[in-house]
Amino acid sequence: MLRLIDWIYALITKNRYLFWFCMLVNVVGVVWGGVVWYGPMMLESPLWAWPFIPDCPEAALWATLAFIWLRFGRAPGWFTAFAAFSSIKYGLWTLFFWGKHWSVAGFADPEVLMEMMLFVSHIGLTCEGILLARQMTPIPLLQRLGVVAWFLASVAIDYGLGYFPPLTYAVPQAYAFTIATSLTGLLGFALFLLPQRINDRVSSL
């Protein structure tokens, strides 16, 4: 599986046409998601909350920057970890979101095609996060704490202060909160575990 992930990463990053096509798709997702899905909510929110509102568009933006940085230099370990964490968390959160919605509402909604498009696009976002996670380098404990703290703050601001993503009638706020908290905890644990394993492997060589 790891070889397949590495092969896909090399395929995308070594073919400049494919690479820039993927980055363009990301940028379209950033703009569409930020303007259409989160735009009305952001206009009604204070500026200080804006960095925590457009979760998925921001994840796609961080992933785009991380891929470009990795291709043309070497992205800082903390930023690669941050982009991977963001892409996997919000990619999976969206998959759980639409899965819950369809389990209640079915597929009779006239906007089901758009919903399926969002579902497929967030499979892609999750996969981008996995590709980036494979490129992570060991990072200091303080930086790992900083990454996890950002996403804990995001959960607190989203669900504690009411700036959570737009939900459908079929998805309760409690469900969205549970998924967000669970993913943050699991990915946070992985972030603390994986760099240590990398360090152990390097020190044993």
Protein backbone atom coordinates (compact mmCIF):
# COMPACT_ATOMS: atom_id res chain seq x y z
CA MET A 1 0.00 0.00 0.00
CA LEU A 2 2.81 2.40 0.87
CA ARG A 3 4.45 1.68 -2.48
CA LEU A 4 1.19 2.49 -4.24
CA ILE A 5 0.93 5.80 -2.37
CA ASP A 6 4.52 6.66 -3.31
CA TRP A 7 3.87 5.69 -6.93
CA ILE A 8 0.80 7.93 -7.15
CA TYR A 9 2.68 10.82 -5.55
CA ALA A 10 5.56 10.45 -8.01
CA LEU A 11 3.14 10.16 -10.94
CA ILE A 12 1.46 13.44 -10.04
CA THR A 13 4.51 15.47 -9.06
CA LYS A 14 6.83 14.36 -11.90
CA ASN A 15 4.33 15.06 -14.69
CA ARG A 16 4.04 18.83 -14.81
CA TYR A 17 0.81 18.83 -16.84
CA LEU A 18 -0.92 16.42 -14.48
CA PHE A 19 0.50 18.26 -11.48
CA TRP A 20 -0.77 21.68 -12.53
CA PHE A 21 -4.12 20.24 -13.59
CA CYS A 22 -4.54 18.81 -10.07
CA MET A 23 -3.52 22.14 -8.54
CA LEU A 24 -6.02 23.96 -10.76
CA VAL A 25 -8.80 21.61 -9.64
CA ASN A 26 -7.84 22.39 -6.05
CA VAL A 27 -7.98 26.13 -6.67
CA VAL A 28 -11.44 25.80 -8.24
CA GLY A 29 -12.54 23.93 -5.13
CA VAL A 30 -11.06 26.62 -2.88
CA VAL A 31 -12.88 29.42 -4.70
CA TRP A 32 -16.20 27.60 -5.15
CA GLY A 33 -16.29 26.29 -1.59
CA GLY A 34 -15.18 29.57 -0.06
CA VAL A 35 -17.63 31.71 -2.03
CA VAL A 36 -20.69 29.51 -2.63
CA TRP A 37 -20.76 27.18 0.38
CA TYR A 38 -19.20 29.33 3.11
CA GLY A 39 -19.48 32.85 1.65
CA PRO A 40 -22.88 33.79 3.16
CA MET A 41 -21.83 32.51 6.58
CA MET A 42 -18.54 34.41 6.49
CA LEU A 43 -20.30 37.68 5.62
CA GLU A 44 -22.35 37.31 8.80
CA SER A 45 -19.36 36.41 10.99
CA PRO A 46 -16.65 38.55 12.61
CA LEU A 47 -13.30 38.74 10.84
CA TRP A 48 -11.45 36.99 13.67
CA ALA A 49 -13.54 33.84 13.02
CA TRP A 50 -12.88 33.71 9.27
CA PRO A 51 -9.75 31.50 9.48
CA PHE A 52 -11.85 28.83 11.24
CA ILE A 53 -14.97 28.88 9.04
CA PRO A 54 -14.20 27.63 5.49
CA ASP A 55 -12.79 24.29 6.67
CA CYS A 56 -12.71 22.31 3.42
CA PRO A 57 -11.70 25.16 1.08
CA GLU A 58 -8.86 26.02 3.44
CA ALA A 59 -7.79 22.37 3.55
CA ALA A 60 -7.62 22.33 -0.25
CA LEU A 61 -5.62 25.58 -0.16
CA TRP A 62 -3.11 24.23 2.37
CA ALA A 63 -2.78 21.02 0.35
CA THR A 64 -2.12 23.00 -2.83
CA LEU A 65 0.58 25.08 -1.15
CA ALA A 66 2.16 22.00 0.40
CA PHE A 67 2.31 20.14 -2.92
CA ILE A 68 3.85 23.14 -4.68
CA TRP A 69 6.32 23.68 -1.87
CA LEU A 70 7.34 20.04 -1.90
CA ARG A 71 7.74 19.99 -5.67
CA PHE A 72 9.91 23.09 -5.88
CA GLY A 73 11.87 22.86 -2.65
CA ARG A 74 11.08 21.32 0.66
CA ALA A 75 8.04 22.27 2.65
CA PRO A 76 8.64 22.68 6.39
CA GLY A 77 7.68 19.52 8.23
CA TRP A 78 5.09 21.30 10.35
CA PHE A 79 3.32 22.69 7.29
CA THR A 80 3.21 19.34 5.52
CA ALA A 81 1.77 17.82 8.70
CA PHE A 82 -0.73 20.67 9.01
CA ALA A 83 -1.89 20.33 5.40
CA ALA A 84 -2.15 16.53 5.67
CA PHE A 85 -4.08 16.75 8.96
CA SER A 86 -6.46 19.35 7.51
CA SER A 87 -7.10 17.47 4.26
CA ILE A 88 -7.73 14.11 5.91
CA LYS A 89 -9.87 15.52 8.72
CA TYR A 90 -12.17 17.65 6.61
CA GLY A 91 -12.18 15.21 3.72
CA LEU A 92 -13.38 12.38 5.98
CA TRP A 93 -15.72 14.67 7.93
CA THR A 94 -17.49 15.56 4.68
CA LEU A 95 -17.81 11.90 3.68
CA PHE A 96 -19.41 11.11 7.04
CA PHE A 97 -21.61 14.20 6.67
CA TRP A 98 -23.08 13.19 3.32
CA GLY A 99 -23.31 9.55 4.36
CA LYS A 100 -25.46 10.60 7.33
CA HIS A 101 -27.53 12.93 5.17
CA TRP A 102 -28.31 10.23 2.60
CA SER A 103 -29.10 7.67 5.29
CA VAL A 104 -31.93 9.95 6.44
CA ALA A 105 -32.98 11.87 3.33
CA GLY A 106 -32.24 9.29 0.68
CA PHE A 107 -31.30 10.28 -2.85
CA ALA A 108 -34.52 12.01 -3.88
CA ASP A 109 -33.14 15.51 -3.26
CA PRO A 110 -33.08 17.53 -6.52
CA GLU A 111 -29.53 18.60 -5.65
CA VAL A 112 -28.29 15.03 -5.22
CA LEU A 113 -25.93 15.35 -8.19
CA MET A 114 -24.19 18.30 -6.55
CA GLU A 115 -24.07 16.36 -3.29
CA MET A 116 -22.42 13.43 -5.04
CA MET A 117 -19.94 15.79 -6.67
CA LEU A 118 -19.01 17.11 -3.25
CA PHE A 119 -18.71 13.57 -1.92
CA VAL A 120 -16.35 12.51 -4.72
CA SER A 121 -14.30 15.70 -4.50
CA HIS A 122 -13.76 15.12 -0.78
CA ILE A 123 -12.59 11.58 -1.44
CA GLY A 124 -9.95 13.34 -3.51
CA LEU A 125 -9.17 15.76 -0.68
CA THR A 126 -8.72 12.84 1.72
CA CYS A 127 -6.40 11.10 -0.74
CA GLU A 128 -4.34 14.29 -1.07
CA GLY A 129 -3.94 14.32 2.69
CA ILE A 130 -2.73 10.72 2.65
CA LEU A 131 -0.19 11.55 -0.08
CA LEU A 132 1.07 14.50 1.96
CA ALA A 133 1.21 12.46 5.17
CA ARG A 134 3.58 10.09 3.40
CA GLN A 135 5.92 13.06 2.76
CA MET A 136 6.05 14.15 6.38
CA THR A 137 9.43 14.59 8.02
CA PRO A 138 10.09 14.43 11.79
CA ILE A 139 8.96 17.63 13.51
CA PRO A 140 9.62 18.88 17.04
CA LEU A 141 7.12 18.25 19.81
CA LEU A 142 6.22 21.95 20.10
CA GLN A 143 5.29 22.10 16.42
CA ARG A 144 3.18 18.98 16.72
CA LEU A 145 1.41 20.55 19.69
CA GLY A 146 0.81 23.68 17.62
CA VAL A 147 -0.80 21.73 14.78
CA VAL A 148 -3.10 19.79 17.11
CA ALA A 149 -3.94 22.95 19.08
CA TRP A 150 -5.13 24.67 15.90
CA PHE A 151 -7.62 21.91 15.13
CA LEU A 152 -8.78 21.69 18.74
CA ALA A 153 -9.38 25.45 18.64
CA SER A 154 -11.29 24.97 15.39
CA VAL A 155 -13.62 22.44 17.03
CA ALA A 156 -14.13 24.76 20.00
CA ILE A 157 -14.92 27.76 17.80
CA ASP A 158 -17.11 25.79 15.40
CA TYR A 159 -19.28 24.02 17.95
CA GLY A 160 -18.68 25.99 21.11
CA LEU A 161 -19.28 29.42 19.57
CA GLY A 162 -21.60 28.35 16.76
CA TYR A 163 -19.42 28.79 13.67
CA PHE A 164 -19.80 25.17 12.52
CA PRO A 165 -20.19 24.36 8.80
CA PRO A 166 -23.65 24.62 7.20
CA LEU A 167 -25.63 21.45 8.00
CA THR A 168 -28.66 19.93 6.32
CA TYR A 169 -31.87 19.06 8.19
CA ALA A 170 -30.79 15.40 8.18
CA VAL A 171 -27.47 15.98 9.99
CA PRO A 172 -27.74 16.93 13.70
CA GLN A 173 -25.18 19.28 15.17
CA ALA A 174 -24.29 16.65 17.78
CA TYR A 175 -23.36 14.20 15.03
CA ALA A 176 -21.19 16.76 13.25
CA PHE A 177 -19.47 17.62 16.54
CA THR A 178 -18.82 13.97 17.38
CA ILE A 179 -17.24 13.27 14.00
CA ALA A 180 -15.10 16.43 14.15
CA THR A 181 -13.91 15.66 17.68
CA SER A 182 -13.21 11.99 16.94
CA LEU A 183 -11.21 12.76 13.80
CA THR A 184 -9.23 15.46 15.60
CA GLY A 185 -8.38 13.03 18.40
CA LEU A 186 -7.40 10.16 16.11
CA LEU A 187 -5.30 12.30 13.78
CA GLY A 188 -3.73 14.08 16.73
CA PHE A 189 -2.70 10.73 18.19
CA ALA A 190 -1.30 9.68 14.82
CA LEU A 191 0.66 12.92 14.51
CA PHE A 192 2.31 12.30 17.87
CA LEU A 193 2.96 8.64 17.09
CA LEU A 194 4.24 8.69 13.51
CA PRO A 195 7.06 11.23 13.82
CA GLN A 196 8.43 9.28 16.78
CA ARG A 197 8.49 6.13 14.68
CA ILE A 198 10.31 8.03 11.95
CA ASN A 199 12.88 9.23 14.48
CA ASP A 200 13.32 5.70 15.82
CA ARG A 201 13.82 4.32 12.32
CA VAL A 202 16.32 7.01 11.40
CA SER A 203 18.30 6.60 14.64
CA SER A 204 18.52 2.86 14.08
CA LEU A 205 20.17 3.16 10.67
